[in-house]
């Protein structure tokens, strides 16, 4: 799990490790198949993936969909390999350590870049992804998870180690505001406010939330990058014009919903397949935009739906989406008495609104990691017992 945040740079390493661990698994856990079948959450994930394969076979798009299907099988592999693990707490701690290391690397790159160009202008542009240890969207996702994990394991670590968790949360939060990862900022604010309202009385909660919002307001006032990227601040054009011109999801989601409205009953049930959905989006980009440069950019980038729920609805139909939503519902029921676990799930739910996690290798790794944490072994103990 330590390598997940650096997956873009060492993509083959996690896969090699999975292969080696799979060979060793029968020697470590002789009843792994029995334990796998006894885990209802893992069974739902397997059902989702099996339906994905079956529906692709039915509509004849298995070869076009294989680029997503083979990534989904990675999630099954990770879940199976997690069965012998007794304490998911350790996984979370290693993940937090790796994110802290990644943030230090990013700070070093940002400082070097600023000293070279003489300015700190990263509100937009591809270069920000080259400076961070992973592209901005997943940088936000990973740091949000790191904060949620820190809050989760807070009670499991000795007091002398909690200073590190505080440092990690502060560093992650500052980095999110520094690079203006919008969904991550919203997610982290929600996590902290939910945590405060759940664990303190109303008066203290309101005071704490007021301090948090005041700090955020100060960031907006003194960080020009934050205002430009988050609020699309620009004196020349109005807010909605900039949304239409600057935010790709405005075009992407319009195309996705347009195709959904015109779908037949058969396609609504089992979808068009991942490959055909992408082709439909590409055709819509050509017909819905007038600027040749922007059309070329969308086609070259091959923008997918950037929404996991929409992606499943279009590619795998109502059935595929229903299985995924049932998985989310099952996780809520399983963790409904633990606010920290629900906050971890919230990170997944919110980021699935803006990204197709199943289209990226790191996306399926993070998806599997969250499932492992949200379905802990009943024998998991406090670190102090070790």
Protein backbone atom coordinates (compact mmCIF):
# COMPACT_ATOMS: atom_id res chain seq x y z
CA UNK A 1 0.00 0.00 0.00
CA UNK A 2 3.03 2.25 0.46
CA UNK A 3 3.54 2.33 -3.33
CA UNK A 4 -0.03 3.33 -4.30
CA UNK A 5 0.48 7.13 -4.24
CA UNK A 6 3.50 6.71 -6.55
CA UNK A 7 1.71 4.37 -8.97
CA UNK A 8 2.15 6.75 -11.92
CA UNK A 9 5.94 6.56 -11.56
CA UNK A 10 6.32 2.88 -10.65
CA UNK A 11 3.23 1.44 -12.33
CA UNK A 12 4.64 -2.07 -12.82
CA UNK A 13 5.82 -2.51 -9.21
CA UNK A 14 2.39 -3.03 -7.55
CA UNK A 15 1.39 -5.50 -10.26
CA UNK A 16 4.61 -7.49 -9.82
CA UNK A 17 4.08 -7.56 -6.05
CA UNK A 18 0.50 -8.77 -6.55
CA UNK A 19 1.75 -11.65 -8.72
CA UNK A 20 4.33 -12.70 -6.13
CA UNK A 21 1.85 -12.46 -3.25
CA UNK A 22 -0.72 -14.52 -5.14
CA UNK A 23 1.80 -17.35 -5.45
CA UNK A 24 2.46 -17.18 -1.70
CA UNK A 25 -1.18 -16.73 -0.64
CA UNK A 26 -2.15 -20.45 -0.38
CA UNK A 27 0.80 -21.00 2.00
CA UNK A 28 -0.18 -18.05 4.20
CA UNK A 29 -3.98 -18.43 4.22
CA UNK A 30 -5.29 -21.90 3.39
CA UNK A 31 -8.97 -20.90 3.72
CA UNK A 32 -8.83 -17.71 1.65
CA UNK A 33 -11.58 -18.87 -0.75
CA UNK A 34 -13.95 -19.65 2.13
CA UNK A 35 -13.22 -16.29 3.77
CA UNK A 36 -13.66 -14.47 0.46
CA UNK A 37 -17.11 -15.99 -0.08
CA UNK A 38 -18.08 -15.11 3.50
CA UNK A 39 -17.40 -11.40 2.90
CA UNK A 40 -20.62 -9.86 1.54
CA UNK A 41 -18.96 -6.64 0.39
CA UNK A 42 -16.32 -8.51 -1.61
CA UNK A 43 -19.03 -10.70 -3.15
CA UNK A 44 -20.89 -7.57 -4.36
CA UNK A 45 -17.68 -6.31 -5.98
CA UNK A 46 -17.18 -9.67 -7.69
CA UNK A 47 -20.83 -9.58 -8.87
CA UNK A 48 -20.27 -6.10 -10.34
CA UNK A 49 -17.18 -7.23 -12.23
CA UNK A 50 -18.80 -10.46 -13.45
CA UNK A 51 -21.80 -8.47 -14.72
CA UNK A 52 -19.41 -6.07 -16.44
CA UNK A 53 -17.82 -8.98 -18.31
CA UNK A 54 -21.16 -10.69 -19.06
CA UNK A 55 -22.82 -7.55 -20.41
CA UNK A 56 -19.80 -6.89 -22.64
CA UNK A 57 -20.09 -10.41 -24.02
CA UNK A 58 -23.84 -10.00 -24.63
CA UNK A 59 -23.48 -6.77 -26.60
CA UNK A 60 -20.27 -7.88 -28.32
CA UNK A 61 -17.92 -5.22 -26.93
CA UNK A 62 -15.61 -7.41 -24.83
CA UNK A 63 -12.46 -6.47 -26.77
CA UNK A 64 -13.26 -2.74 -26.67
CA UNK A 65 -14.07 -2.93 -22.94
CA UNK A 66 -11.05 -4.99 -21.93
CA UNK A 67 -9.00 -1.87 -21.05
CA UNK A 68 -11.39 -1.27 -18.12
CA UNK A 69 -12.19 -4.90 -17.30
CA UNK A 70 -8.55 -5.88 -16.76
CA UNK A 71 -8.19 -2.99 -14.29
CA UNK A 72 -11.27 -4.13 -12.40
CA UNK A 73 -9.73 -7.58 -11.95
CA UNK A 74 -6.84 -5.86 -10.15
CA UNK A 75 -9.32 -4.80 -7.46
CA UNK A 76 -10.39 -8.43 -6.96
CA UNK A 77 -6.75 -9.46 -6.66
CA UNK A 78 -6.07 -6.79 -4.03
CA UNK A 79 -9.19 -7.75 -2.06
CA UNK A 80 -8.23 -11.44 -2.09
CA UNK A 81 -4.69 -10.65 -0.95
CA UNK A 82 -6.07 -8.55 1.92
CA UNK A 83 -7.83 -11.56 3.49
CA UNK A 84 -4.86 -12.70 5.66
CA UNK A 85 -4.36 -9.14 6.96
CA UNK A 86 -5.51 -8.92 10.57
CA UNK A 87 -5.18 -5.18 11.10
CA UNK A 88 -6.21 -2.72 8.40
CA UNK A 89 -4.89 -0.04 10.78
CA UNK A 90 -1.35 -0.86 9.61
CA UNK A 91 -2.36 -0.42 5.97
CA UNK A 92 -3.72 3.02 6.74
CA UNK A 93 -0.57 4.02 8.62
CA UNK A 94 1.71 2.97 5.74
CA UNK A 95 -0.53 4.85 3.31
CA UNK A 96 -0.34 8.01 5.45
CA UNK A 97 3.47 7.75 5.57
CA UNK A 98 3.66 7.41 1.78
CA UNK A 99 1.40 10.44 1.25
CA UNK A 100 3.55 12.51 3.62
CA UNK A 101 6.65 11.52 1.64
CA UNK A 102 4.88 12.39 -1.62
CA UNK A 103 3.90 15.80 -0.26
CA UNK A 104 7.50 16.55 0.70
CA UNK A 105 8.58 15.65 -2.83
CA UNK A 106 5.88 17.95 -4.23
CA UNK A 107 6.90 20.83 -1.96
CA UNK A 108 10.48 20.49 -3.16
CA UNK A 109 9.34 20.55 -6.82
CA UNK A 110 7.05 23.54 -6.26
CA UNK A 111 9.80 25.53 -4.52
CA UNK A 112 12.24 24.81 -7.36
CA UNK A 113 9.65 25.78 -9.97
CA UNK A 114 8.78 29.03 -8.19
CA UNK A 115 12.44 30.00 -7.84
CA UNK A 116 13.04 29.32 -11.55
CA UNK A 117 10.05 31.22 -12.99
CA UNK A 118 9.91 33.88 -10.28
CA UNK A 119 6.17 33.43 -9.66
CA UNK A 120 3.72 30.96 -8.18
CA UNK A 121 1.04 30.69 -10.88
CA UNK A 122 -0.56 27.25 -10.88
CA UNK A 123 -4.28 28.02 -11.13
CA UNK A 124 -4.31 26.27 -14.49
CA UNK A 125 -2.01 24.49 -16.86
CA UNK A 126 -0.59 21.01 -17.36
CA UNK A 127 2.69 21.86 -15.64
CA UNK A 128 1.14 21.51 -12.17
CA UNK A 129 0.72 17.77 -12.77
CA UNK A 130 4.42 17.52 -13.55
CA UNK A 131 5.32 19.25 -10.27
CA UNK A 132 3.16 17.10 -7.99
CA UNK A 133 4.02 13.48 -7.22
CA UNK A 134 0.77 12.54 -8.97
CA UNK A 135 -1.72 14.47 -11.13
CA UNK A 136 -3.80 17.09 -9.32
CA UNK A 137 -7.13 15.23 -9.16
CA UNK A 138 -5.60 12.10 -7.61
CA UNK A 139 -3.32 14.26 -5.49
CA UNK A 140 -6.51 15.63 -3.96
CA UNK A 141 -8.08 12.19 -3.65
CA UNK A 142 -5.02 10.70 -1.94
CA UNK A 143 -4.57 13.59 0.48
CA UNK A 144 -8.27 13.53 1.39
CA UNK A 145 -7.95 9.82 2.15
CA UNK A 146 -4.82 10.46 4.18
CA UNK A 147 -6.69 12.96 6.37
CA UNK A 148 -9.68 10.60 6.75
CA UNK A 149 -7.33 7.73 7.67
CA UNK A 150 -5.51 9.92 10.21
CA UNK A 151 -8.78 10.72 11.95
CA UNK A 152 -9.69 7.02 11.89
CA UNK A 153 -6.51 5.67 13.49
CA UNK A 154 -6.12 8.56 15.95
CA UNK A 155 -7.40 6.48 18.87
CA UNK A 156 -5.28 3.45 17.88
CA UNK A 157 -1.84 5.03 18.15
CA UNK A 158 0.07 6.00 21.30
CA UNK A 159 -0.17 9.68 22.19
CA UNK A 160 3.47 10.31 21.33
CA UNK A 161 2.73 9.43 17.67
CA UNK A 162 -0.34 11.64 17.37
CA UNK A 163 1.85 14.67 16.71
CA UNK A 164 2.79 13.04 13.39
CA UNK A 165 -0.89 12.58 12.50
CA UNK A 166 -1.58 16.25 13.28
CA UNK A 167 1.38 17.25 11.13
CA UNK A 168 0.19 14.99 8.31
CA UNK A 169 -3.34 16.43 8.37
CA UNK A 170 -2.07 20.02 8.42
CA UNK A 171 0.41 19.35 5.61
CA UNK A 172 -2.22 17.62 3.47
CA UNK A 173 -4.79 20.38 4.05
CA UNK A 174 -2.26 23.11 3.21
CA UNK A 175 -1.17 21.29 0.06
CA UNK A 176 -4.78 20.97 -1.12
CA UNK A 177 -5.31 24.72 -0.79
CA UNK A 178 -1.89 25.46 -2.28
CA UNK A 179 -2.53 23.51 -5.49
CA UNK A 180 -6.28 24.25 -5.46
CA UNK A 181 -7.72 20.75 -5.64
CA UNK A 182 -11.38 21.77 -5.59
CA UNK A 183 -13.23 18.56 -4.79
CA UNK A 184 -10.60 17.63 -2.22
CA UNK A 185 -11.01 20.97 -0.44
CA UNK A 186 -14.79 20.51 -0.29
CA UNK A 187 -14.38 16.90 0.88
CA UNK A 188 -11.92 17.72 3.65
CA UNK A 189 -14.08 20.61 4.90
CA UNK A 190 -17.09 18.28 5.04
CA UNK A 191 -15.09 15.60 6.86
CA UNK A 192 -13.92 18.02 9.55
CA UNK A 193 -17.35 19.61 10.01
CA UNK A 194 -19.10 16.23 10.24
CA UNK A 195 -16.49 15.06 12.74
CA UNK A 196 -16.89 18.19 14.86
CA UNK A 197 -20.71 18.12 14.90
CA UNK A 198 -20.70 14.40 15.71
CA UNK A 199 -18.23 14.51 18.61
CA UNK A 200 -18.86 17.88 20.31
CA UNK A 201 -21.84 19.83 21.57
CA UNK A 202 -23.64 22.36 19.40
CA UNK A 203 -21.96 25.45 20.85
CA UNK A 204 -18.43 24.09 20.41
CA UNK A 205 -19.35 22.78 16.97
CA UNK A 206 -20.55 26.18 15.76
CA UNK A 207 -17.46 27.93 17.13
CA UNK A 208 -15.13 25.37 15.51
CA UNK A 209 -16.94 25.49 12.17
CA UNK A 210 -16.83 29.31 12.25
CA UNK A 211 -13.05 29.16 12.79
CA UNK A 212 -12.66 26.66 9.93
CA UNK A 213 -14.74 28.77 7.55
CA UNK A 214 -12.88 31.91 8.62
CA UNK A 215 -9.55 30.24 7.86
CA UNK A 216 -10.85 29.11 4.47
CA UNK A 217 -12.07 32.64 3.70
CA UNK A 218 -8.58 33.94 4.51
CA UNK A 219 -7.09 31.46 2.05
CA UNK A 220 -9.41 32.79 -0.66
CA UNK A 221 -8.51 36.40 0.13
CA UNK A 222 -4.73 35.92 0.16
CA UNK A 223 -4.28 33.11 -2.37
CA UNK A 224 -4.89 34.43 -5.87
CA UNK A 225 -4.43 30.96 -7.38
CA UNK A 226 -7.22 29.63 -5.17
CA UNK A 227 -9.67 32.34 -6.19
CA UNK A 228 -8.84 31.99 -9.89
CA UNK A 229 -9.19 28.23 -10.07
CA UNK A 230 -11.88 27.55 -7.46
CA UNK A 231 -14.17 30.51 -8.14
CA UNK A 232 -13.07 31.25 -11.71
CA UNK A 233 -12.34 34.84 -10.70
CA UNK A 234 -11.81 36.95 -13.79
CA UNK A 235 -12.81 40.58 -14.32
CA UNK A 236 -13.30 40.17 -18.08
CA UNK A 237 -16.03 37.50 -18.12
CA UNK A 238 -18.90 36.39 -15.92
CA UNK A 239 -18.81 33.24 -13.77
CA UNK A 240 -21.10 31.08 -15.95
CA UNK A 241 -19.26 32.00 -19.13
CA UNK A 242 -16.01 30.80 -17.57
CA UNK A 243 -17.65 27.56 -16.42
CA UNK A 244 -18.74 26.88 -19.99
CA UNK A 245 -15.37 27.80 -21.46
CA UNK A 246 -12.94 26.48 -18.85
CA UNK A 247 -14.58 23.45 -17.28
CA UNK A 248 -14.46 20.35 -19.56
CA UNK A 249 -17.10 18.58 -17.47
CA UNK A 250 -19.69 21.14 -18.62
CA UNK A 251 -19.36 19.78 -22.16
CA UNK A 252 -18.75 16.17 -21.10
CA UNK A 253 -21.80 15.87 -18.85
CA UNK A 254 -24.05 17.62 -21.38
CA UNK A 255 -22.98 15.04 -23.96
CA UNK A 256 -23.44 12.18 -21.50
CA UNK A 257 -26.96 13.22 -20.50
CA UNK A 258 -27.87 13.90 -24.13
CA UNK A 259 -26.89 10.36 -25.08
CA UNK A 260 -28.70 8.94 -22.05
CA UNK A 261 -31.96 10.63 -23.03
CA UNK A 262 -31.78 9.12 -26.52
CA UNK A 263 -30.88 5.57 -25.39
CA UNK A 264 -33.18 2.62 -26.09
CA UNK A 265 -34.64 0.44 -23.32
CA UNK A 266 -32.12 -2.32 -24.08
CA UNK A 267 -29.18 0.07 -23.73
CA UNK A 268 -30.65 1.57 -20.57
CA UNK A 269 -30.57 -1.87 -18.95
CA UNK A 270 -27.08 -3.13 -19.86
CA UNK A 271 -25.46 -0.11 -21.50
CA UNK A 272 -23.32 0.42 -24.59
CA UNK A 273 -20.02 -0.81 -23.22
CA UNK A 274 -17.06 1.35 -22.21
CA UNK A 275 -15.55 1.60 -25.69
CA UNK A 276 -18.79 2.56 -27.43
CA UNK A 277 -19.63 5.09 -24.71
CA UNK A 278 -16.31 6.79 -25.42
CA UNK A 279 -17.02 6.84 -29.14
CA UNK A 280 -20.45 8.36 -28.53
CA UNK A 281 -18.86 11.06 -26.39
CA UNK A 282 -16.24 11.78 -29.05
CA UNK A 283 -18.97 12.21 -31.70
CA UNK A 284 -20.83 14.57 -29.41
CA UNK A 285 -17.71 16.66 -28.82
CA UNK A 286 -17.35 17.11 -32.59
CA UNK A 287 -20.99 18.15 -33.04
CA UNK A 288 -21.44 20.29 -29.93
CA UNK A 289 -18.37 22.55 -30.08
CA UNK A 290 -17.32 25.13 -32.67
CA UNK A 291 -13.69 25.85 -31.77
CA UNK A 292 -11.46 23.46 -33.73
CA UNK A 293 -8.65 23.70 -31.18
CA UNK A 294 -10.96 22.69 -28.35
CA UNK A 295 -12.47 19.83 -30.35
CA UNK A 296 -8.97 18.56 -31.14
CA UNK A 297 -8.05 18.81 -27.44
CA UNK A 298 -11.12 16.82 -26.35
CA UNK A 299 -10.54 14.13 -29.00
CA UNK A 300 -6.82 13.85 -28.29
CA UNK A 301 -7.45 13.60 -24.54
CA UNK A 302 -10.42 11.27 -25.09
CA UNK A 303 -12.31 12.70 -22.14
CA UNK A 304 -14.49 10.03 -20.54
CA UNK A 305 -17.60 10.87 -18.49
CA UNK A 306 -15.52 12.00 -15.47
CA UNK A 307 -18.26 10.60 -13.25
CA UNK A 308 -18.23 6.95 -12.15
CA UNK A 309 -22.01 6.84 -11.73
CA UNK A 310 -22.63 8.23 -15.21
CA UNK A 311 -19.97 5.94 -16.65
CA UNK A 312 -21.66 2.84 -15.24
CA UNK A 313 -25.11 4.04 -16.30
CA UNK A 314 -24.03 4.63 -19.90
CA UNK A 315 -21.61 1.71 -20.22
CA UNK A 316 -23.28 -0.96 -18.06
CA UNK A 317 -26.83 0.35 -17.82
CA UNK A 318 -29.20 0.56 -14.89
CA UNK A 319 -28.20 -2.91 -13.72
CA UNK A 320 -24.51 -2.03 -13.48
CA UNK A 321 -25.23 1.24 -11.69
CA UNK A 322 -27.68 -0.50 -9.32
CA UNK A 323 -25.01 -3.03 -8.26
CA UNK A 324 -22.52 -0.24 -7.59
CA UNK A 325 -25.07 1.77 -5.57
CA UNK A 326 -25.98 -1.39 -3.64
CA UNK A 327 -22.29 -1.72 -2.77
CA UNK A 328 -22.27 1.85 -1.43
CA UNK A 329 -25.48 1.19 0.53
CA UNK A 330 -24.00 -2.01 2.01
CA UNK A 331 -20.90 -0.12 3.15
CA UNK A 332 -23.09 2.52 4.80
CA UNK A 333 -25.04 -0.16 6.68
CA UNK A 334 -21.86 -1.96 7.71
CA UNK A 335 -20.24 1.22 9.08
CA UNK A 336 -23.27 3.25 10.22
CA UNK A 337 -22.03 3.39 13.83
CA UNK A 338 -18.54 4.66 13.01
CA UNK A 339 -18.35 8.27 11.83
CA UNK A 340 -14.70 7.88 10.83
CA UNK A 341 -15.51 4.97 8.54
CA UNK A 342 -18.40 6.89 7.00
CA UNK A 343 -16.08 9.83 6.33
CA UNK A 344 -13.71 7.50 4.48
CA UNK A 345 -16.66 6.29 2.41
CA UNK A 346 -17.62 9.92 1.79
CA UNK A 347 -14.24 10.48 0.11
CA UNK A 348 -15.00 7.66 -2.34
CA UNK A 349 -18.58 8.79 -2.99
CA UNK A 350 -17.61 12.40 -3.71
CA UNK A 351 -14.60 11.65 -5.92
CA UNK A 352 -16.69 9.20 -7.92
CA UNK A 353 -18.76 12.25 -8.90
CA UNK A 354 -15.86 13.79 -10.82
CA UNK A 355 -13.71 10.84 -11.92
CA UNK A 356 -14.01 7.40 -13.54
CA UNK A 357 -12.04 5.47 -10.96
CA UNK A 358 -12.35 2.17 -12.84
CA UNK A 359 -10.58 3.62 -15.90
CA UNK A 360 -7.33 4.20 -14.03
CA UNK A 361 -5.05 1.65 -12.39
CA UNK A 362 -4.51 3.91 -9.41
CA UNK A 363 -8.27 4.42 -9.24
CA UNK A 364 -8.96 0.69 -8.78
CA UNK A 365 -6.13 0.41 -6.24
CA UNK A 366 -7.63 3.23 -4.17
CA UNK A 367 -11.12 1.74 -4.59
CA UNK A 368 -9.85 -1.61 -3.27
CA UNK A 369 -7.94 0.07 -0.43
CA UNK A 370 -11.08 1.85 0.75
CA UNK A 371 -13.08 -1.41 0.63
CA UNK A 372 -10.41 -3.16 2.72
CA UNK A 373 -10.53 -0.41 5.34
CA UNK A 374 -14.33 -0.33 5.38
CA UNK A 375 -14.61 -4.11 5.89
CA UNK A 376 -12.18 -4.62 8.80
CA UNK A 377 -11.31 -7.94 10.31
CA UNK A 378 -13.33 -8.52 13.46
CA UNK A 379 -10.19 -9.43 15.33
CA UNK A 380 -8.54 -6.08 14.63
CA UNK A 381 -7.01 -4.80 17.82
CA UNK A 382 -5.54 -1.63 19.16
CA UNK A 383 -1.90 -0.97 18.31
CA UNK A 384 -1.11 -0.92 22.01
CA UNK A 385 -1.94 -4.62 22.21
CA UNK A 386 0.87 -5.55 19.86
